[in-house]
Amino acid sequence: MSTPMNHEELVELLQEGKIGYLRFVLEGENGQDYLEWCRAHGTDPS
C-alpha cells in the first residue's frame, strides 16, 4: 500500500477541484480507519 499523501497536498488538490471530499478522506492518514468503520457499519464509503 502506498503512503498517505501529505495533508497540505490533499488540501491543495481539494481546493483546486482536482479531487473530491471522498478521495480527500481516503488518501489521508485516516483513510483505512474510515474504510474499516464503513465495513463495520455495513455502509459504502461515500
Protein backbone atom coordinates (compact mmCIF):
# COMPACT_ATOMS: atom_id res chain seq x y z
CA MET A 1 0.00 0.00 0.00
CA SER A 2 1.25 3.48 -0.77
CA THR A 3 1.91 6.00 1.93
CA PRO A 4 -0.80 8.58 2.61
CA MET A 5 -0.45 11.90 0.85
CA ASN A 6 0.69 14.89 2.81
CA HIS A 7 -2.25 16.81 4.30
CA GLU A 8 -1.18 20.06 2.67
CA GLU A 9 -1.01 18.36 -0.75
CA LEU A 10 -4.50 16.97 -0.29
CA VAL A 11 -5.88 20.35 0.78
CA GLU A 12 -4.33 21.98 -2.27
CA LEU A 13 -5.82 19.35 -4.62
CA LEU A 14 -9.22 19.71 -2.95
CA GLN A 15 -9.16 23.49 -3.21
CA GLU A 16 -8.15 23.28 -6.87
CA GLY A 17 -11.09 20.99 -7.52
CA LYS A 18 -8.85 18.13 -8.66
CA ILE A 19 -10.20 15.74 -6.01
CA GLY A 20 -13.45 15.47 -4.07
CA TYR A 21 -14.06 15.06 -0.37
CA LEU A 22 -14.20 11.25 -0.52
CA ARG A 23 -10.78 11.00 -2.11
CA PHE A 24 -9.52 13.63 0.35
CA VAL A 25 -10.51 11.35 3.22
CA LEU A 26 -9.41 8.09 1.60
CA GLU A 27 -5.98 9.39 0.59
CA GLY A 28 -5.30 10.89 4.01
CA GLU A 29 -3.86 9.26 7.10
CA ASN A 30 -7.31 8.17 8.32
CA GLY A 31 -8.42 6.54 5.08
CA GLN A 32 -8.05 2.97 6.34
CA ASP A 33 -9.88 3.79 9.57
CA TYR A 34 -12.76 5.23 7.55
CA LEU A 35 -12.97 2.14 5.35
CA GLU A 36 -12.94 -0.14 8.40
CA TRP A 37 -15.71 1.94 10.01
CA CYS A 38 -17.78 1.67 6.82
CA ARG A 39 -17.34 -2.11 6.73
CA ALA A 40 -18.22 -2.43 10.44
CA HIS A 41 -21.39 -0.39 9.92
CA GLY A 42 -22.45 -2.02 6.65
CA THR A 43 -22.24 1.15 4.58
CA ASP A 44 -20.43 2.12 1.40
CA PRO A 45 -17.85 4.91 1.53
CA SER A 46 -19.48 7.98 0.05
